[in-house]
Amino acid sequence: MDSRRVLVTGSSRGIGRAIAVRLAADGWRVALHYVEDRAKAENVVESLGDRVAGCYRANLAEPAAGDRLVAEALSEGPLHAVVNNAGVYLQTNFIEAGDGEFEATLRKTLAVNFESPLRIARAAAKHFAATGGGSILNVASRVGFRGEPGASLYAASKAALINLTRSLAVELAPRNVLLFGIAPGWVDTSMARAGMNDRLPNILRDIPIGRMASPEDCAAVVSFLLSPDAAYLSGVVIDINGASYFH
């Protein structure tokens, strides 16, 4: 797969970085994306060496940013896969949050977690349909399948992404465009651990395997789904949650 090129959004840290590193090791040329922290993005560039195929900045909370990101990536060469990993987790109390806070959280959550992945998927699918096919993988969440207090907006955005993945798998199959998803539970990233030290024992008690997922656990599943071995699995969303939830 030395000539194959993949765009991974949110690839300067956490799950996105692990995905970028794993796909580069698999032989992909990886186009990176970041929002603000150029230094972290440059660190990933150094880690990947000659497997880097572009590094782009885009604020995916902006309505047209997803389209611009794909266009910029395509200006430097064809794409064969896209991983929609970038996302935000903004807790809010559905009743007690002030109207301004609630509206701002709603807008940003849907913009980053659903609307931008949708637009990126559409722009990429047009390209794939014209060039013989490709793969789109969406990083969803366990909470897209189950309720969680304080996370109603996040859960709704991820549920929408899951069902977008399934619907597009059916619609785009005749164009040889494959859709996949992963739905991680708790993942051991700096974002997940922020302010959760007091909650960690309870979190781990609910995970039969006894630990949170690592970013590399998620990257391993992405590696499989973007390999030829998964070519007949379009539409699947694979749980990565340590046996903590089934649906």
Protein backbone atom coordinates (compact mmCIF):
# COMPACT_ATOMS: atom_id res chain seq x y z
CA MET A 1 0.00 0.00 0.00
CA ASP A 2 3.01 2.30 -0.42
CA SER A 3 1.18 4.60 -2.84
CA ARG A 4 -2.06 4.81 -0.87
CA ARG A 5 -2.79 8.09 0.92
CA VAL A 6 -5.09 8.64 3.90
CA LEU A 7 -6.26 11.84 5.60
CA VAL A 8 -6.64 11.53 9.39
CA THR A 9 -8.38 14.42 11.13
CA GLY A 10 -7.38 15.37 14.65
CA SER A 11 -4.09 13.53 14.25
CA SER A 12 -1.82 15.69 16.41
CA ARG A 13 -2.64 13.81 19.64
CA GLY A 14 -4.53 10.95 21.27
CA ILE A 15 -6.43 8.46 19.15
CA GLY A 16 -5.78 10.39 15.94
CA ARG A 17 -2.04 10.38 16.47
CA ALA A 18 -2.07 6.64 17.22
CA ILE A 19 -4.08 6.00 14.04
CA ALA A 20 -1.66 8.07 11.97
CA VAL A 21 1.35 6.23 13.39
CA ARG A 22 -0.22 2.79 12.87
CA LEU A 23 -1.32 3.50 9.31
CA ALA A 24 2.12 4.85 8.45
CA ALA A 25 3.61 1.61 9.79
CA ASP A 26 1.13 -0.29 7.59
CA GLY A 27 2.54 1.48 4.54
CA TRP A 28 0.05 4.29 4.08
CA ARG A 29 1.15 7.82 3.24
CA VAL A 30 -0.59 9.89 5.93
CA ALA A 31 -1.98 13.40 5.56
CA LEU A 32 -2.23 14.97 9.00
CA HIS A 33 -4.69 17.52 10.37
CA TYR A 34 -4.62 19.70 13.46
CA VAL A 35 -6.68 22.59 14.85
CA GLU A 36 -4.36 24.81 16.90
CA ASP A 37 -1.24 23.12 18.26
CA ARG A 38 1.27 23.29 15.43
CA ALA A 39 4.07 22.06 17.69
CA LYS A 40 2.27 18.78 18.43
CA ALA A 41 1.49 18.35 14.75
CA GLU A 42 5.15 18.90 13.86
CA ASN A 43 6.07 16.25 16.42
CA VAL A 44 3.88 13.75 14.57
CA VAL A 45 5.41 14.85 11.27
CA GLU A 46 8.86 14.04 12.67
CA SER A 47 7.65 10.68 13.97
CA LEU A 48 6.27 9.63 10.60
CA GLY A 49 9.20 10.82 8.51
CA ASP A 50 8.80 10.07 4.83
CA ARG A 51 5.33 8.59 5.37
CA VAL A 52 3.88 12.10 5.86
CA ALA A 53 1.78 13.25 2.91
CA GLY A 54 0.75 16.73 4.07
CA CYS A 55 -0.09 18.54 7.30
CA TYR A 56 -3.10 20.86 7.33
CA ARG A 57 -4.67 23.23 9.82
CA ALA A 58 -8.47 23.56 9.92
CA ASN A 59 -10.97 24.59 12.57
CA LEU A 60 -13.72 22.05 12.01
CA ALA A 61 -16.18 24.09 14.03
CA GLU A 62 -16.41 26.38 10.98
CA PRO A 63 -19.13 25.31 8.49
CA ALA A 64 -16.97 25.17 5.35
CA ALA A 65 -13.76 23.94 6.98
CA GLY A 66 -14.30 20.27 6.12
CA ASP A 67 -14.73 20.96 2.42
CA ARG A 68 -11.67 23.21 2.41
CA LEU A 69 -9.59 20.59 4.22
CA VAL A 70 -10.37 17.88 1.68
CA ALA A 71 -9.78 20.28 -1.22
CA GLU A 72 -6.40 21.28 0.22
CA ALA A 73 -5.40 17.66 0.73
CA LEU A 74 -6.49 16.76 -2.82
CA SER A 75 -4.51 19.66 -4.25
CA GLU A 76 -1.38 17.75 -3.23
CA GLY A 77 -2.42 14.33 -4.51
CA PRO A 78 -5.22 11.76 -4.56
CA LEU A 79 -6.74 10.26 -1.42
CA HIS A 80 -7.69 6.63 -0.96
CA ALA A 81 -9.15 6.85 2.55
CA VAL A 82 -10.33 9.35 5.14
CA VAL A 83 -10.50 8.90 8.91
CA ASN A 84 -12.90 11.31 10.62
CA ASN A 85 -11.37 11.28 14.08
CA ALA A 86 -11.51 14.92 15.24
CA GLY A 87 -14.15 15.55 17.88
CA VAL A 88 -15.08 17.46 21.00
CA TYR A 89 -16.61 16.30 24.28
CA LEU A 90 -18.40 19.16 26.03
CA GLN A 91 -20.46 18.16 29.04
CA THR A 92 -23.60 20.16 29.75
CA ASN A 93 -26.55 19.91 32.12
CA PHE A 94 -29.57 19.66 29.83
CA ILE A 95 -31.87 21.60 32.17
CA GLU A 96 -29.63 23.74 34.35
CA ALA A 97 -27.20 25.06 31.74
CA GLY A 98 -27.84 28.67 30.81
CA ASP A 99 -29.38 29.28 27.40
CA GLY A 100 -26.22 30.85 26.03
CA GLU A 101 -24.01 28.03 27.26
CA PHE A 102 -26.43 25.40 25.99
CA GLU A 103 -26.69 26.93 22.50
CA ALA A 104 -22.92 27.36 22.21
CA THR A 105 -22.33 23.75 23.29
CA LEU A 106 -24.99 22.49 20.90
CA ARG A 107 -23.57 24.39 17.95
CA LYS A 108 -19.95 23.39 18.51
CA THR A 109 -20.74 19.74 19.31
CA LEU A 110 -22.82 19.20 16.19
CA ALA A 111 -20.46 21.22 14.00
CA VAL A 112 -17.32 19.31 14.97
CA ASN A 113 -18.72 15.85 15.69
CA PHE A 114 -21.28 15.52 12.92
CA GLU A 115 -21.46 18.30 10.34
CA SER A 116 -17.75 18.44 9.52
CA PRO A 117 -17.38 14.63 9.28
CA LEU A 118 -20.45 14.62 7.04
CA ARG A 119 -18.99 17.29 4.76
CA ILE A 120 -15.58 15.62 4.72
CA ALA A 121 -17.24 12.29 3.88
CA ARG A 122 -19.23 13.89 1.05
CA ALA A 123 -16.20 15.61 -0.47
CA ALA A 124 -14.12 12.46 -0.15
CA ALA A 125 -16.89 10.24 -1.55
CA LYS A 126 -17.16 12.41 -4.65
CA HIS A 127 -13.44 11.98 -5.19
CA PHE A 128 -13.54 8.23 -4.53
CA ALA A 129 -16.51 7.70 -6.84
CA ALA A 130 -14.58 9.39 -9.64
CA THR A 131 -11.33 7.51 -9.04
CA GLY A 132 -12.44 3.90 -8.54
CA GLY A 133 -13.31 3.77 -4.86
CA GLY A 134 -12.04 4.44 -1.36
CA SER A 135 -12.79 4.10 2.34
CA ILE A 136 -14.27 6.45 4.94
CA LEU A 137 -13.90 5.60 8.62
CA ASN A 138 -15.74 7.53 11.31
CA VAL A 139 -14.65 7.55 14.95
CA ALA A 140 -17.86 7.44 16.98
CA SER A 141 -18.28 6.47 20.64
CA ARG A 142 -19.89 3.94 22.95
CA VAL A 143 -22.15 6.75 24.13
CA GLY A 144 -23.64 6.88 20.65
CA PHE A 145 -25.38 3.62 21.58
CA ARG A 146 -26.23 4.30 25.24
CA GLY A 147 -27.20 7.10 27.58
CA GLU A 148 -24.80 8.98 29.81
CA PRO A 149 -25.66 11.90 32.11
CA GLY A 150 -24.25 15.23 31.06
CA ALA A 151 -23.46 13.94 27.58
CA SER A 152 -26.78 14.21 25.77
CA LEU A 153 -25.49 16.47 22.99
CA TYR A 154 -22.29 14.48 22.54
CA ALA A 155 -24.26 11.23 22.47
CA ALA A 156 -26.67 12.62 19.89
CA SER A 157 -23.83 13.74 17.64
CA LYS A 158 -22.14 10.34 17.79
CA ALA A 159 -25.41 8.47 17.23
CA ALA A 160 -25.95 10.58 14.14
CA LEU A 161 -22.44 9.74 12.94
CA ILE A 162 -23.05 6.03 13.47
CA ASN A 163 -26.23 6.07 11.42
CA LEU A 164 -24.64 8.22 8.73
CA THR A 165 -21.96 5.53 8.45
CA ARG A 166 -24.56 2.80 8.02
CA SER A 167 -26.71 4.70 5.54
CA LEU A 168 -23.78 5.75 3.36
CA ALA A 169 -22.46 2.19 3.35
CA VAL A 170 -25.65 1.12 1.59
CA GLU A 171 -25.90 4.14 -0.69
CA LEU A 172 -22.27 4.23 -1.80
CA ALA A 173 -21.51 0.51 -2.11
CA PRO A 174 -22.25 0.52 -5.87
CA ARG A 175 -19.54 3.20 -6.22
CA ASN A 176 -16.98 1.04 -4.38
CA VAL A 177 -16.92 3.50 -1.48
CA LEU A 178 -16.69 1.64 1.82
CA LEU A 179 -17.83 3.01 5.19
CA PHE A 180 -16.61 1.92 8.61
CA GLY A 181 -16.80 3.11 12.19
CA ILE A 182 -15.33 2.45 15.58
CA ALA A 183 -17.11 3.14 18.87
CA PRO A 184 -14.59 3.37 21.71
CA GLY A 185 -15.59 3.47 25.35
CA TRP A 186 -13.14 5.06 27.78
CA VAL A 187 -9.77 5.62 26.13
CA ASP A 188 -6.66 6.53 28.11
CA THR A 189 -5.87 9.93 26.61
CA SER A 190 -4.98 13.24 28.23
CA MET A 191 -8.40 14.60 27.26
CA ALA A 192 -10.20 11.68 28.93
CA ARG A 193 -8.11 11.81 32.10
CA ALA A 194 -8.56 15.56 32.67
CA GLY A 195 -10.38 15.99 35.98
CA MET A 196 -11.30 12.32 36.36
CA ASN A 197 -8.89 11.05 39.01
CA ASP A 198 -11.71 10.68 41.53
CA ARG A 199 -13.87 8.81 38.99
CA LEU A 200 -11.25 6.36 37.75
CA PRO A 201 -11.96 3.53 40.23
CA ASN A 202 -15.67 3.56 39.35
CA ILE A 203 -14.91 3.69 35.63
CA LEU A 204 -12.59 0.70 35.85
CA ARG A 205 -15.12 -1.29 37.90
CA ASP A 206 -17.52 -1.07 34.94
CA ILE A 207 -14.95 -2.44 32.46
CA PRO A 208 -14.65 -6.23 32.79
CA ILE A 209 -11.21 -6.27 31.10
CA GLY A 210 -10.07 -3.97 33.91
CA ARG A 211 -8.48 -1.09 32.03
CA MET A 212 -9.34 1.70 29.67
CA ALA A 213 -8.53 1.25 26.00
CA SER A 214 -5.27 2.68 24.77
CA PRO A 215 -5.17 4.85 21.63
CA GLU A 216 -3.21 2.00 20.08
CA ASP A 217 -6.12 -0.39 20.72
CA CYS A 218 -8.28 1.89 18.61
CA ALA A 219 -5.61 2.27 15.94
CA ALA A 220 -5.29 -1.51 15.58
CA VAL A 221 -8.98 -1.81 14.69
CA VAL A 222 -8.71 1.07 12.22
CA SER A 223 -5.71 -0.66 10.65
CA PHE A 224 -7.80 -3.78 10.06
CA LEU A 225 -10.83 -1.93 8.72
CA LEU A 226 -8.75 -0.03 6.18
CA SER A 227 -6.99 -3.18 5.03
CA PRO A 228 -8.13 -5.41 2.14
CA ASP A 229 -9.18 -8.01 4.72
CA ALA A 230 -12.21 -5.85 5.66
CA ALA A 231 -13.41 -5.18 2.12
CA TYR A 232 -16.71 -7.05 2.69
CA LEU A 233 -17.54 -5.38 6.01
CA SER A 234 -18.83 -2.02 4.83
CA GLY A 235 -21.25 -0.45 7.30
CA VAL A 236 -19.90 -2.04 10.47
CA VAL A 237 -19.21 0.03 13.59
CA ILE A 238 -16.90 -1.94 15.87
CA ASP A 239 -17.11 -1.54 19.65
CA ILE A 240 -13.85 -1.03 21.55
CA ASN A 241 -14.96 -1.03 25.16
CA GLY A 242 -13.44 -3.92 27.11
CA ALA A 243 -16.77 -5.84 27.29
CA SER A 244 -18.41 -2.92 29.14
CA TYR A 245 -21.40 -2.56 26.82
CA PHE A 246 -23.25 -4.66 24.23
CA HIS A 247 -26.12 -3.68 21.92
